[in-house]
Amino acid sequence: MWKFLVQINKNLIVAIPVMMVCGFVFGLAVDAGFVKQLKSLIMPFTFLMVYPMMVTLNIKHLKDGIKNVKLQVTTQVINFAVVPFLAYGLGLFFFRDQPYMALGLLLASLLPTSGMTISWTGFAKGNMGAAINMTVIGLTLGSLATPFYVQGLMGAKVDVDIYLVVKQIVLIVFIPMLLGYLTRTSLVKKHGMPKFKKDIAPRFPAMSTIGVLGIVFVALALKAKTIAGNPEILGSILVPLLIIYFINFALGTVVGKLFFKRGDAIALVYGTVMRNLSIALAIAINAFGEEGANAALVIAISYIIQVQSAAWYVKFTTKIFGPPPEEAAA
């Protein structure tokens, strides 16, 4: 079972589109009333996604982040002073009559970094320590800032219950973060760090994968009939998403090349491009009622572009930033 889940986790580039298709087919084939009840699964799926990630994160790495303040500050400036406003502007342009679609773009941009930030940085042989710092710092800042960005930028266009947004973030970010930290501390104390890293920690990302795929399935099932009745909606969503990711990758690459060494530059790119779409999905569905499903559709489609583009970028990192130091010295 664990080996199967680990394999899925290593092949999200295929697993996520497959699960989206399954959710779409399920949503078409099953009674709409039953499909709506699937919303109740979003919270447990989100917890299943976030909690394992928090167990594997070492919060103590935050201390190490102080050693590279320039990199961390640059990353968060891009994450919170550039990307959200890019998404907001594109949302106004492409979805001027569909504010909840615009909300989806904004939510997808407001929660930077996920476990995939660390994974893709590792695949590209970037600075893993910096990526871990970015993940902890970015997710914490994003969770704190999201209610204010949503209220300030979209409050006049969508019905924002700020209390409900804050409540969702507490439930799906900060409580799992606390429980994950306590679980990690307990396991390390009981088994020791070597055994934890070798035998226990590798299982948690596989558990997280179940949550990610479950959320994607539910999101597509909820909007399946809408998509089937209006297929061109997919094209209208893909265009602004492609623009956001293209600009995001280009900006991170240029800034990384100009100001940072290879490993840090790669961490910067993945620390600013990868978004925590699962948490954004949960907020959209749980905090914005029926209309939140429109925002969730935008976020769900973001998965395809994010995972595919991240995988392709790995293939070009050597051409862009040069070979890793060990390969260059060989």
C-alpha atoms as a PDB file:
ATOM      1  CA  MET A   1       0.000   0.000   0.000  1.00  0.00           C
ATOM      2  CA  TRP A   2       2.743   2.463   0.977  1.00  0.00           C
ATOM      3  CA  LYS A   3       4.799   1.645  -2.098  1.00  0.00           C
ATOM      4  CA  PHE A   4       1.745   2.295  -4.281  1.00  0.00           C
ATOM      5  CA  LEU A   5       1.100   5.680  -2.642  1.00  0.00           C
ATOM      6  CA  VAL A   6       4.771   6.636  -2.912  1.00  0.00           C
ATOM      7  CA  GLN A   7       4.672   5.849  -6.635  1.00  0.00           C
ATOM      8  CA  ILE A   8       1.578   8.026  -7.063  1.00  0.00           C
ATOM      9  CA  ASN A   9       3.295  10.840  -5.181  1.00  0.00           C
ATOM     10  CA  LYS A  10       6.239  10.599  -7.583  1.00  0.00           C
ATOM     11  CA  ASN A  11       3.898  10.709 -10.582  1.00  0.00           C
ATOM     12  CA  LEU A  12       1.530  13.562  -9.741  1.00  0.00           C
ATOM     13  CA  ILE A  13       2.144  14.878 -13.243  1.00  0.00           C
ATOM     14  CA  VAL A  14      -0.091  12.000 -14.413  1.00  0.00           C
ATOM     15  CA  ALA A  15      -2.149  11.293 -11.296  1.00  0.00           C
ATOM     16  CA  ILE A  16      -3.713  14.756 -10.974  1.00  0.00           C
ATOM     17  CA  PRO A  17      -5.078  14.962 -14.569  1.00  0.00           C
ATOM     18  CA  VAL A  18      -6.370  11.381 -14.244  1.00  0.00           C
ATOM     19  CA  MET A  19      -8.160  12.219 -11.007  1.00  0.00           C
ATOM     20  CA  MET A  20      -9.623  15.349 -12.587  1.00  0.00           C
ATOM     21  CA  VAL A  21     -11.063  13.264 -15.418  1.00  0.00           C
ATOM     22  CA  CYS A  22     -12.451  10.760 -12.890  1.00  0.00           C
ATOM     23  CA  GLY A  23     -14.094  13.561 -10.929  1.00  0.00           C
ATOM     24  CA  PHE A  24     -15.568  15.035 -14.097  1.00  0.00           C
ATOM     25  CA  VAL A  25     -17.028  11.681 -15.197  1.00  0.00           C
ATOM     26  CA  PHE A  26     -18.362  10.999 -11.702  1.00  0.00           C
ATOM     27  CA  GLY A  27     -19.997  14.420 -11.546  1.00  0.00           C
ATOM     28  CA  LEU A  28     -21.777  13.774 -14.840  1.00  0.00           C
ATOM     29  CA  ALA A  29     -22.896  10.254 -13.986  1.00  0.00           C
ATOM     30  CA  VAL A  30     -24.175  10.783 -10.434  1.00  0.00           C
ATOM     31  CA  ASP A  31     -27.207  12.687  -9.170  1.00  0.00           C
ATOM     32  CA  ALA A  32     -26.429  16.367  -8.551  1.00  0.00           C
ATOM     33  CA  GLY A  33     -27.798  16.209  -5.002  1.00  0.00           C
ATOM     34  CA  PHE A  34     -25.371  13.465  -4.060  1.00  0.00           C
ATOM     35  CA  VAL A  35     -22.452  15.264  -5.716  1.00  0.00           C
ATOM     36  CA  LYS A  36     -23.135  18.375  -3.608  1.00  0.00           C
ATOM     37  CA  GLN A  37     -22.795  16.250  -0.493  1.00  0.00           C
ATOM     38  CA  LEU A  38     -19.178  15.589  -1.481  1.00  0.00           C
ATOM     39  CA  LYS A  39     -18.386  19.093  -0.223  1.00  0.00           C
ATOM     40  CA  SER A  40     -18.344  17.631   3.276  1.00  0.00           C
ATOM     41  CA  LEU A  41     -15.232  15.658   2.283  1.00  0.00           C
ATOM     42  CA  ILE A  42     -13.187  18.765   1.505  1.00  0.00           C
ATOM     43  CA  MET A  43     -12.300  19.435   5.138  1.00  0.00           C
ATOM     44  CA  PRO A  44     -11.024  15.911   5.965  1.00  0.00           C
ATOM     45  CA  PHE A  45      -9.201  15.712   2.623  1.00  0.00           C
ATOM     46  CA  THR A  46      -7.557  19.073   3.315  1.00  0.00           C
ATOM     47  CA  PHE A  47      -6.493  17.986   6.784  1.00  0.00           C
ATOM     48  CA  LEU A  48      -5.104  14.782   5.263  1.00  0.00           C
ATOM     49  CA  MET A  49      -3.138  16.905   2.796  1.00  0.00           C
ATOM     50  CA  VAL A  50      -1.782  19.518   5.221  1.00  0.00           C
ATOM     51  CA  TYR A  51      -1.120  17.526   8.393  1.00  0.00           C
ATOM     52  CA  PRO A  52       1.402  15.034   6.924  1.00  0.00           C
ATOM     53  CA  MET A  53       3.292  17.893   5.289  1.00  0.00           C
ATOM     54  CA  MET A  54       3.570  19.618   8.660  1.00  0.00           C
ATOM     55  CA  VAL A  55       4.923  16.453  10.281  1.00  0.00           C
ATOM     56  CA  THR A  56       7.805  16.334   7.815  1.00  0.00           C
ATOM     57  CA  LEU A  57       8.591  20.055   8.076  1.00  0.00           C
ATOM     58  CA  ASN A  58      11.146  21.010  10.679  1.00  0.00           C
ATOM     59  CA  ILE A  59       9.963  24.332  12.105  1.00  0.00           C
ATOM     60  CA  LYS A  60      13.459  24.816  13.512  1.00  0.00           C
ATOM     61  CA  HIS A  61      14.624  25.530   9.957  1.00  0.00           C
ATOM     62  CA  LEU A  62      13.094  28.970  10.416  1.00  0.00           C
ATOM     63  CA  LYS A  63      16.211  29.848  12.418  1.00  0.00           C
ATOM     64  CA  ASP A  64      18.376  28.914   9.441  1.00  0.00           C
ATOM     65  CA  GLY A  65      16.373  31.278   7.237  1.00  0.00           C
ATOM     66  CA  ILE A  66      17.929  34.224   9.035  1.00  0.00           C
ATOM     67  CA  LYS A  67      21.253  33.239   7.453  1.00  0.00           C
ATOM     68  CA  ASN A  68      19.944  34.146   3.995  1.00  0.00           C
ATOM     69  CA  VAL A  69      17.681  37.096   4.628  1.00  0.00           C
ATOM     70  CA  LYS A  70      18.110  38.534   1.129  1.00  0.00           C
ATOM     71  CA  LEU A  71      16.789  35.356  -0.532  1.00  0.00           C
ATOM     72  CA  GLN A  72      13.845  34.957   1.839  1.00  0.00           C
ATOM     73  CA  VAL A  73      12.817  38.624   1.637  1.00  0.00           C
ATOM     74  CA  THR A  74      13.064  38.642  -2.167  1.00  0.00           C
ATOM     75  CA  THR A  75      10.925  35.507  -2.342  1.00  0.00           C
ATOM     76  CA  GLN A  76       8.183  36.922  -0.153  1.00  0.00           C
ATOM     77  CA  VAL A  77       8.193  40.298  -1.929  1.00  0.00           C
ATOM     78  CA  ILE A  78       7.449  38.471  -5.188  1.00  0.00           C
ATOM     79  CA  ASN A  79       4.880  36.287  -3.430  1.00  0.00           C
ATOM     80  CA  PHE A  80       2.930  39.101  -1.791  1.00  0.00           C
ATOM     81  CA  ALA A  81       3.737  42.346  -3.623  1.00  0.00           C
ATOM     82  CA  VAL A  82       3.751  41.070  -7.212  1.00  0.00           C
ATOM     83  CA  VAL A  83       1.901  37.798  -7.857  1.00  0.00           C
ATOM     84  CA  PRO A  84      -1.414  38.570  -6.062  1.00  0.00           C
ATOM     85  CA  PHE A  85      -1.781  41.901  -7.873  1.00  0.00           C
ATOM     86  CA  LEU A  86      -0.919  40.263 -11.202  1.00  0.00           C
ATOM     87  CA  ALA A  87      -3.652  37.694 -10.538  1.00  0.00           C
ATOM     88  CA  TYR A  88      -6.085  40.393  -9.426  1.00  0.00           C
ATOM     89  CA  GLY A  89      -5.483  42.452 -12.602  1.00  0.00           C
ATOM     90  CA  LEU A  90      -5.890  39.443 -14.882  1.00  0.00           C
ATOM     91  CA  GLY A  91      -9.037  38.480 -12.987  1.00  0.00           C
ATOM     92  CA  LEU A  92     -10.556  41.902 -13.617  1.00  0.00           C
ATOM     93  CA  PHE A  93      -9.651  41.688 -17.302  1.00  0.00           C
ATOM     94  CA  PHE A  94     -10.710  38.132 -18.090  1.00  0.00           C
ATOM     95  CA  PHE A  95     -13.560  37.692 -15.586  1.00  0.00           C
ATOM     96  CA  ARG A  96     -15.064  41.176 -15.298  1.00  0.00           C
ATOM     97  CA  ASP A  97     -18.579  39.659 -15.234  1.00  0.00           C
ATOM     98  CA  GLN A  98     -17.604  36.553 -13.236  1.00  0.00           C
ATOM     99  CA  PRO A  99     -16.214  37.819  -9.911  1.00  0.00           C
ATOM    100  CA  TYR A 100     -15.968  34.383  -8.328  1.00  0.00           C
ATOM    101  CA  MET A 101     -13.748  33.197 -11.180  1.00  0.00           C
ATOM    102  CA  ALA A 102     -11.558  36.233 -10.464  1.00  0.00           C
ATOM    103  CA  LEU A 103     -11.615  35.258  -6.799  1.00  0.00           C
ATOM    104  CA  GLY A 104     -10.296  31.827  -7.788  1.00  0.00           C
ATOM    105  CA  LEU A 105      -7.306  33.415  -9.523  1.00  0.00           C
ATOM    106  CA  LEU A 106      -6.629  35.552  -6.472  1.00  0.00           C
ATOM    107  CA  LEU A 107      -6.886  32.670  -4.001  1.00  0.00           C
ATOM    108  CA  ALA A 108      -4.580  30.558  -6.166  1.00  0.00           C
ATOM    109  CA  SER A 109      -1.967  33.310  -5.907  1.00  0.00           C
ATOM    110  CA  LEU A 110      -2.228  34.061  -2.191  1.00  0.00           C
ATOM    111  CA  LEU A 111      -0.930  30.866  -0.602  1.00  0.00           C
ATOM    112  CA  PRO A 112       2.648  30.389  -1.810  1.00  0.00           C
ATOM    113  CA  THR A 113       4.661  27.226  -1.439  1.00  0.00           C
ATOM    114  CA  SER A 114       3.690  23.694  -0.601  1.00  0.00           C
ATOM    115  CA  GLY A 115       5.460  20.398  -0.129  1.00  0.00           C
ATOM    116  CA  MET A 116       5.976  20.472  -3.891  1.00  0.00           C
ATOM    117  CA  THR A 117       8.220  23.528  -3.510  1.00  0.00           C
ATOM    118  CA  ILE A 118      10.656  21.357  -1.594  1.00  0.00           C
ATOM    119  CA  SER A 119      10.238  18.357  -3.906  1.00  0.00           C
ATOM    120  CA  TRP A 120      10.790  20.219  -7.180  1.00  0.00           C
ATOM    121  CA  THR A 121      13.711  22.169  -5.710  1.00  0.00           C
ATOM    122  CA  GLY A 122      15.259  18.820  -4.810  1.00  0.00           C
ATOM    123  CA  PHE A 123      14.625  17.371  -8.277  1.00  0.00           C
ATOM    124  CA  ALA A 124      16.385  20.394  -9.817  1.00  0.00           C
ATOM    125  CA  LYS A 125      19.231  20.114  -7.276  1.00  0.00           C
ATOM    126  CA  GLY A 126      18.557  23.501  -5.745  1.00  0.00           C
ATOM    127  CA  ASN A 127      18.948  24.725  -2.168  1.00  0.00           C
ATOM    128  CA  MET A 128      16.644  22.436  -0.181  1.00  0.00           C
ATOM    129  CA  GLY A 129      17.211  24.251   3.121  1.00  0.00           C
ATOM    130  CA  ALA A 130      16.124  27.532   1.576  1.00  0.00           C
ATOM    131  CA  ALA A 131      13.070  25.840   0.037  1.00  0.00           C
ATOM    132  CA  ILE A 132      12.019  24.491   3.446  1.00  0.00           C
ATOM    133  CA  ASN A 133      12.313  27.974   4.925  1.00  0.00           C
ATOM    134  CA  MET A 134      10.276  29.436   2.078  1.00  0.00           C
ATOM    135  CA  THR A 135       7.576  26.824   2.603  1.00  0.00           C
ATOM    136  CA  VAL A 136       7.164  27.497   6.305  1.00  0.00           C
ATOM    137  CA  ILE A 137       7.453  31.289   6.026  1.00  0.00           C
ATOM    138  CA  GLY A 138       5.359  31.605   2.857  1.00  0.00           C
ATOM    139  CA  LEU A 139       2.525  29.408   4.068  1.00  0.00           C
ATOM    140  CA  THR A 140       2.380  31.201   7.428  1.00  0.00           C
ATOM    141  CA  LEU A 141       2.432  34.686   5.887  1.00  0.00           C
ATOM    142  CA  GLY A 142      -0.047  33.673   3.192  1.00  0.00           C
ATOM    143  CA  SER A 143      -2.469  32.274   5.730  1.00  0.00           C
ATOM    144  CA  LEU A 144      -2.309  35.457   7.783  1.00  0.00           C
ATOM    145  CA  ALA A 145      -2.567  37.776   4.767  1.00  0.00           C
ATOM    146  CA  THR A 146      -5.255  36.008   2.707  1.00  0.00           C
ATOM    147  CA  PRO A 147      -8.326  37.365   4.574  1.00  0.00           C
ATOM    148  CA  PHE A 148      -7.057  40.940   4.200  1.00  0.00           C
ATOM    149  CA  TYR A 149      -6.181  40.592   0.505  1.00  0.00           C
ATOM    150  CA  VAL A 150      -9.548  38.987  -0.272  1.00  0.00           C
ATOM    151  CA  GLN A 151     -11.471  41.612   1.672  1.00  0.00           C
ATOM    152  CA  GLY A 152      -9.461  44.527   0.313  1.00  0.00           C
ATOM    153  CA  LEU A 153      -9.357  43.472  -3.354  1.00  0.00           C
ATOM    154  CA  MET A 154     -12.574  41.490  -3.815  1.00  0.00           C
ATOM    155  CA  GLY A 155     -14.818  42.633  -0.963  1.00  0.00           C
ATOM    156  CA  ALA A 156     -16.816  44.965  -3.215  1.00  0.00           C
ATOM    157  CA  LYS A 157     -17.425  42.234  -5.814  1.00  0.00           C
ATOM    158  CA  VAL A 158     -18.015  39.035  -3.850  1.00  0.00           C
ATOM    159  CA  ASP A 159     -19.714  38.236  -0.555  1.00  0.00           C
ATOM    160  CA  VAL A 160     -16.761  37.913   1.822  1.00  0.00           C
ATOM    161  CA  ASP A 161     -17.408  36.607   5.329  1.00  0.00           C
ATOM    162  CA  ILE A 162     -14.056  37.514   6.832  1.00  0.00           C
ATOM    163  CA  TYR A 163     -14.775  35.508   9.980  1.00  0.00           C
ATOM    164  CA  LEU A 164     -15.482  32.377   7.942  1.00  0.00           C
ATOM    165  CA  VAL A 165     -12.299  32.827   5.878  1.00  0.00           C
ATOM    166  CA  VAL A 166     -10.209  33.214   9.035  1.00  0.00           C
ATOM    167  CA  LYS A 167     -11.930  30.221  10.611  1.00  0.00           C
ATOM    168  CA  GLN A 168     -11.153  28.047   7.580  1.00  0.00           C
ATOM    169  CA  ILE A 169      -7.503  29.066   7.626  1.00  0.00           C
ATOM    170  CA  VAL A 170      -7.202  28.268  11.322  1.00  0.00           C
ATOM    171  CA  LEU A 171      -8.811  24.862  10.787  1.00  0.00           C
ATOM    172  CA  ILE A 172      -6.866  23.839   7.698  1.00  0.00           C
ATOM    173  CA  VAL A 173      -3.481  25.494   8.286  1.00  0.00           C
ATOM    174  CA  PHE A 174      -2.663  26.425  11.856  1.00  0.00           C
ATOM    175  CA  ILE A 175      -4.272  23.501  13.698  1.00  0.00           C
ATOM    176  CA  PRO A 176      -2.664  20.907  11.377  1.00  0.00           C
ATOM    177  CA  MET A 177       0.617  22.831  11.689  1.00  0.00           C
ATOM    178  CA  LEU A 178       0.473  22.601  15.482  1.00  0.00           C
ATOM    179  CA  LEU A 179      -0.574  18.931  15.460  1.00  0.00           C
ATOM    180  CA  GLY A 180       2.100  18.128  12.874  1.00  0.00           C
ATOM    181  CA  TYR A 181       4.779  19.778  15.004  1.00  0.00           C
ATOM    182  CA  LEU A 182       3.626  17.868  18.115  1.00  0.00           C
ATOM    183  CA  THR A 183       3.526  14.588  16.156  1.00  0.00           C
ATOM    184  CA  ARG A 184       7.017  15.152  14.763  1.00  0.00           C
ATOM    185  CA  THR A 185       8.395  16.005  18.199  1.00  0.00           C
ATOM    186  CA  SER A 186       6.800  12.904  19.716  1.00  0.00           C
ATOM    187  CA  LEU A 187       8.022  10.543  16.976  1.00  0.00           C
ATOM    188  CA  VAL A 188      11.570  11.905  17.037  1.00  0.00           C
ATOM    189  CA  LYS A 189      11.664  11.602  20.830  1.00  0.00           C
ATOM    190  CA  LYS A 190      10.379   8.027  20.699  1.00  0.00           C
ATOM    191  CA  HIS A 191      12.350   6.660  17.719  1.00  0.00           C
ATOM    192  CA  GLY A 192      15.276   9.040  17.305  1.00  0.00           C
ATOM    193  CA  MET A 193      15.992  11.322  14.344  1.00  0.00           C
ATOM    194  CA  PRO A 194      17.811   8.729  12.147  1.00  0.00           C
ATOM    195  CA  LYS A 195      14.919   6.235  12.280  1.00  0.00           C
ATOM    196  CA  PHE A 196      12.353   9.022  11.853  1.00  0.00           C
ATOM    197  CA  LYS A 197      14.050  10.315   8.704  1.00  0.00           C
ATOM    198  CA  LYS A 198      14.665   6.870   7.210  1.00  0.00           C
ATOM    199  CA  ASP A 199      11.560   4.840   8.051  1.00  0.00           C
ATOM    200  CA  ILE A 200       8.766   7.146   9.245  1.00  0.00           C
ATOM    201  CA  ALA A 201       8.975  10.524   7.498  1.00  0.00           C
ATOM    202  CA  PRO A 202       8.873   9.121   3.907  1.00  0.00           C
ATOM    203  CA  ARG A 203       5.368   7.766   4.513  1.00  0.00           C
ATOM    204  CA  PHE A 204       3.788  11.119   5.279  1.00  0.00           C
ATOM    205  CA  PRO A 205       4.042  12.683   1.786  1.00  0.00           C
ATOM    206  CA  ALA A 206       2.286   9.584   0.452  1.00  0.00           C
ATOM    207  CA  MET A 207      -0.573  10.196   2.899  1.00  0.00           C
ATOM    208  CA  SER A 208      -0.701  13.817   1.787  1.00  0.00           C
ATOM    209  CA  THR A 209      -1.164  12.676  -1.809  1.00  0.00           C
ATOM    210  CA  ILE A 210      -4.508  11.071  -0.907  1.00  0.00           C
ATOM    211  CA  GLY A 211      -5.751  14.439   0.312  1.00  0.00           C
ATOM    212  CA  VAL A 212      -4.571  16.298  -2.798  1.00  0.00           C
ATOM    213  CA  LEU A 213      -6.173  13.826  -5.200  1.00  0.00           C
ATOM    214  CA  GLY A 214      -9.369  13.713  -3.154  1.00  0.00           C
ATOM    215  CA  ILE A 215      -9.744  17.496  -3.227  1.00  0.00           C
ATOM    216  CA  VAL A 216      -9.141  17.621  -6.984  1.00  0.00           C
ATOM    217  CA  PHE A 217     -11.717  14.868  -7.538  1.00  0.00           C
ATOM    218  CA  VAL A 218     -14.386  16.671  -5.515  1.00  0.00           C
ATOM    219  CA  ALA A 219     -13.699  20.048  -7.147  1.00  0.00           C
ATOM    220  CA  LEU A 220     -14.173  18.657 -10.666  1.00  0.00           C
ATOM    221  CA  ALA A 221     -17.196  16.574  -9.671  1.00  0.00           C
ATOM    222  CA  LEU A 222     -18.926  19.685  -8.315  1.00  0.00           C
ATOM    223  CA  LYS A 223     -18.503  21.596 -11.592  1.00  0.00           C
ATOM    224  CA  ALA A 224     -18.787  18.698 -14.066  1.00  0.00           C
ATOM    225  CA  LYS A 225     -22.260  19.570 -15.336  1.00  0.00           C
ATOM    226  CA  THR A 226     -21.318  23.243 -15.683  1.00  0.00           C
ATOM    227  CA  ILE A 227     -18.268  22.327 -17.759  1.00  0.00           C
ATOM    228  CA  ALA A 228     -20.227  19.885 -19.900  1.00  0.00           C
ATOM    229  CA  GLY A 229     -22.861  22.520 -20.634  1.00  0.00           C
ATOM    230  CA  ASN A 230     -20.312  25.243 -21.311  1.00  0.00           C
ATOM    231  CA  PRO A 231     -16.996  23.636 -22.399  1.00  0.00           C
ATOM    232  CA  GLU A 232     -15.503  26.911 -23.616  1.00  0.00           C
ATOM    233  CA  ILE A 233     -15.247  27.929 -19.960  1.00  0.00           C
ATOM    234  CA  LEU A 234     -12.085  25.821 -19.763  1.00  0.00           C
ATOM    235  CA  GLY A 235     -10.381  27.936 -22.410  1.00  0.00           C
ATOM    236  CA  SER A 236     -11.367  31.154 -20.658  1.00  0.00           C
ATOM    237  CA  ILE A 237      -9.735  29.839 -17.472  1.00  0.00           C
ATOM    238  CA  LEU A 238      -6.595  28.414 -19.067  1.00  0.00           C
ATOM    239  CA  VAL A 239      -5.519  31.658 -20.758  1.00  0.00           C
ATOM    240  CA  PRO A 240      -5.082  33.831 -17.617  1.00  0.00           C
ATOM    241  CA  LEU A 241      -3.560  30.896 -15.735  1.00  0.00           C
ATOM    242  CA  LEU A 242      -0.970  30.349 -18.463  1.00  0.00           C
ATOM    243  CA  ILE A 243      -0.126  34.059 -18.397  1.00  0.00           C
ATOM    244  CA  ILE A 244       0.314  34.044 -14.604  1.00  0.00           C
ATOM    245  CA  TYR A 245       2.564  30.991 -14.562  1.00  0.00           C
ATOM    246  CA  PHE A 246       4.612  32.186 -17.538  1.00  0.00           C
ATOM    247  CA  ILE A 247       5.249  35.595 -15.960  1.00  0.00           C
ATOM    248  CA  ASN A 248       5.914  33.988 -12.582  1.00  0.00           C
ATOM    249  CA  PHE A 249       8.517  31.568 -13.983  1.00  0.00           C
ATOM    250  CA  ALA A 250      10.108  34.322 -16.095  1.00  0.00           C
ATOM    251  CA  LEU A 251      10.309  36.767 -13.162  1.00  0.00           C
ATOM    252  CA  GLY A 252      11.760  34.180 -10.797  1.00  0.00           C
ATOM    253  CA  THR A 253      14.301  33.082 -13.392  1.00  0.00           C
ATOM    254  CA  VAL A 254      15.496  36.617 -14.174  1.00  0.00           C
ATOM    255  CA  VAL A 255      15.730  37.670 -10.518  1.00  0.00           C
ATOM    256  CA  GLY A 256      17.454  34.390  -9.628  1.00  0.00           C
ATOM    257  CA  LYS A 257      20.003  34.707 -12.439  1.00  0.00           C
ATOM    258  CA  LEU A 258      20.799  38.326 -11.627  1.00  0.00           C
ATOM    259  CA  PHE A 259      21.080  38.226  -7.848  1.00  0.00           C
ATOM    260  CA  PHE A 260      21.618  34.666  -6.555  1.00  0.00           C
ATOM    261  CA  LYS A 261      23.822  31.646  -7.010  1.00  0.00           C
ATOM    262  CA  ARG A 262      22.468  28.526  -8.694  1.00  0.00           C
ATOM    263  CA  GLY A 263      20.970  26.634  -5.739  1.00  0.00           C
ATOM    264  CA  ASP A 264      19.348  29.714  -4.242  1.00  0.00           C
ATOM    265  CA  ALA A 265      18.007  30.823  -7.628  1.00  0.00           C
ATOM    266  CA  ILE A 266      16.251  27.490  -8.170  1.00  0.00           C
ATOM    267  CA  ALA A 267      14.725  27.650  -4.692  1.00  0.00           C
ATOM    268  CA  LEU A 268      13.554  31.195  -5.476  1.00  0.00           C
ATOM    269  CA  VAL A 269      11.798  30.067  -8.656  1.00  0.00           C
ATOM    270  CA  TYR A 270       9.940  27.199  -7.026  1.00  0.00           C
ATOM    271  CA  GLY A 271       9.335  29.217  -3.865  1.00  0.00           C
ATOM    272  CA  THR A 272       7.472  31.854  -5.881  1.00  0.00           C
ATOM    273  CA  VAL A 273       5.744  29.745  -8.546  1.00  0.00           C
ATOM    274  CA  MET A 274       4.406  26.814  -6.521  1.00  0.00           C
ATOM    275  CA  ARG A 275       1.142  27.664  -4.796  1.00  0.00           C
ATOM    276  CA  ASN A 276      -0.678  25.697  -2.098  1.00  0.00           C
ATOM    277  CA  LEU A 277      -3.681  25.018  -4.312  1.00  0.00           C
ATOM    278  CA  SER A 278      -5.234  22.435  -2.001  1.00  0.00           C
ATOM    279  CA  ILE A 279      -5.653  24.956   0.801  1.00  0.00           C
ATOM    280  CA  ALA A 280      -6.926  27.540  -1.683  1.00  0.00           C
ATOM    281  CA  LEU A 281      -9.484  24.993  -2.919  1.00  0.00           C
ATOM    282  CA  ALA A 282     -10.685  24.256   0.586  1.00  0.00           C
ATOM    283  CA  ILE A 283     -11.125  27.963   1.346  1.00  0.00           C
ATOM    284  CA  ALA A 284     -13.009  28.552  -1.923  1.00  0.00           C
ATOM    285  CA  ILE A 285     -15.454  25.707  -1.360  1.00  0.00           C
ATOM    286  CA  ASN A 286     -15.987  26.053   2.383  1.00  0.00           C
ATOM    287  CA  ALA A 287     -15.961  29.834   2.812  1.00  0.00           C
ATOM    288  CA  PHE A 288     -17.872  31.101  -0.234  1.00  0.00           C
ATOM    289  CA  GLY A 289     -20.995  28.963  -0.488  1.00  0.00           C
ATOM    290  CA  GLU A 290     -22.392  27.806  -3.833  1.00  0.00           C
ATOM    291  CA  GLU A 291     -20.523  30.451  -5.829  1.00  0.00           C
ATOM    292  CA  GLY A 292     -17.284  29.246  -4.314  1.00  0.00           C
ATOM    293  CA  ALA A 293     -17.430  26.272  -6.673  1.00  0.00           C
ATOM    294  CA  ASN A 294     -16.647  28.660  -9.558  1.00  0.00           C
ATOM    295  CA  ALA A 295     -13.523  29.840  -7.756  1.00  0.00           C
ATOM    296  CA  ALA A 296     -12.666  26.206  -6.999  1.00  0.00           C
ATOM    297  CA  LEU A 297     -12.843  25.306 -10.699  1.00  0.00           C
ATOM    298  CA  VAL A 298     -10.168  27.899 -11.516  1.00  0.00           C
ATOM    299  CA  ILE A 299      -7.957  26.602  -8.712  1.00  0.00           C
ATOM    300  CA  ALA A 300      -8.450  22.958  -9.740  1.00  0.00           C
ATOM    301  CA  ILE A 301      -7.378  23.665 -13.316  1.00  0.00           C
ATOM    302  CA  SER A 302      -4.323  25.450 -11.914  1.00  0.00           C
ATOM    303  CA  TYR A 303      -3.093  22.049 -10.728  1.00  0.00           C
ATOM    304  CA  ILE A 304      -2.540  20.868 -14.286  1.00  0.00           C
ATOM    305  CA  ILE A 305      -0.492  23.891 -15.300  1.00  0.00           C
ATOM    306  CA  GLN A 306       1.445  24.043 -12.040  1.00  0.00           C
ATOM    307  CA  VAL A 307       2.528  20.405 -11.976  1.00  0.00           C
ATOM    308  CA  GLN A 308       3.275  20.165 -15.695  1.00  0.00           C
ATOM    309  CA  SER A 309       5.223  23.437 -15.806  1.00  0.00           C
ATOM    310  CA  ALA A 310       7.200  22.556 -12.670  1.00  0.00           C
ATOM    311  CA  ALA A 311       8.237  19.237 -14.220  1.00  0.00           C
ATOM    312  CA  TRP A 312       9.278  20.868 -17.491  1.00  0.00           C
ATOM    313  CA  TYR A 313      11.243  23.569 -15.707  1.00  0.00           C
ATOM    314  CA  VAL A 314      13.377  20.905 -14.017  1.00  0.00           C
ATOM    315  CA  LYS A 315      14.476  19.762 -17.486  1.00  0.00           C
ATOM    316  CA  PHE A 316      15.754  23.262 -18.324  1.00  0.00           C
ATOM    317  CA  THR A 317      17.440  24.210 -15.049  1.00  0.00           C
ATOM    318  CA  THR A 318      20.880  23.067 -16.207  1.00  0.00           C
ATOM    319  CA  LYS A 319      20.623  25.148 -19.377  1.00  0.00           C
ATOM    320  CA  ILE A 320      19.347  28.168 -17.461  1.00  0.00           C
ATOM    321  CA  PHE A 321      21.506  28.088 -14.325  1.00  0.00           C
ATOM    322  CA  GLY A 322      24.319  25.733 -15.307  1.00  0.00           C
ATOM    323  CA  PRO A 323      25.094  22.265 -13.910  1.00  0.00           C
ATOM    324  CA  PRO A 324      25.134  21.538 -10.171  1.00  0.00           C
ATOM    325  CA  PRO A 325      28.542  22.185  -8.546  1.00  0.00           C
ATOM    326  CA  GLU A 326      29.382  18.469  -8.279  1.00  0.00           C
ATOM    327  CA  GLU A 327      28.658  17.918 -11.977  1.00  0.00           C
ATOM    328  CA  ALA A 328      30.530  21.058 -13.016  1.00  0.00           C
ATOM    329  CA  ALA A 329      33.591  19.842 -11.102  1.00  0.00           C
ATOM    330  CA  ALA A 330      33.481  16.350 -12.614  1.00  0.00           C
END
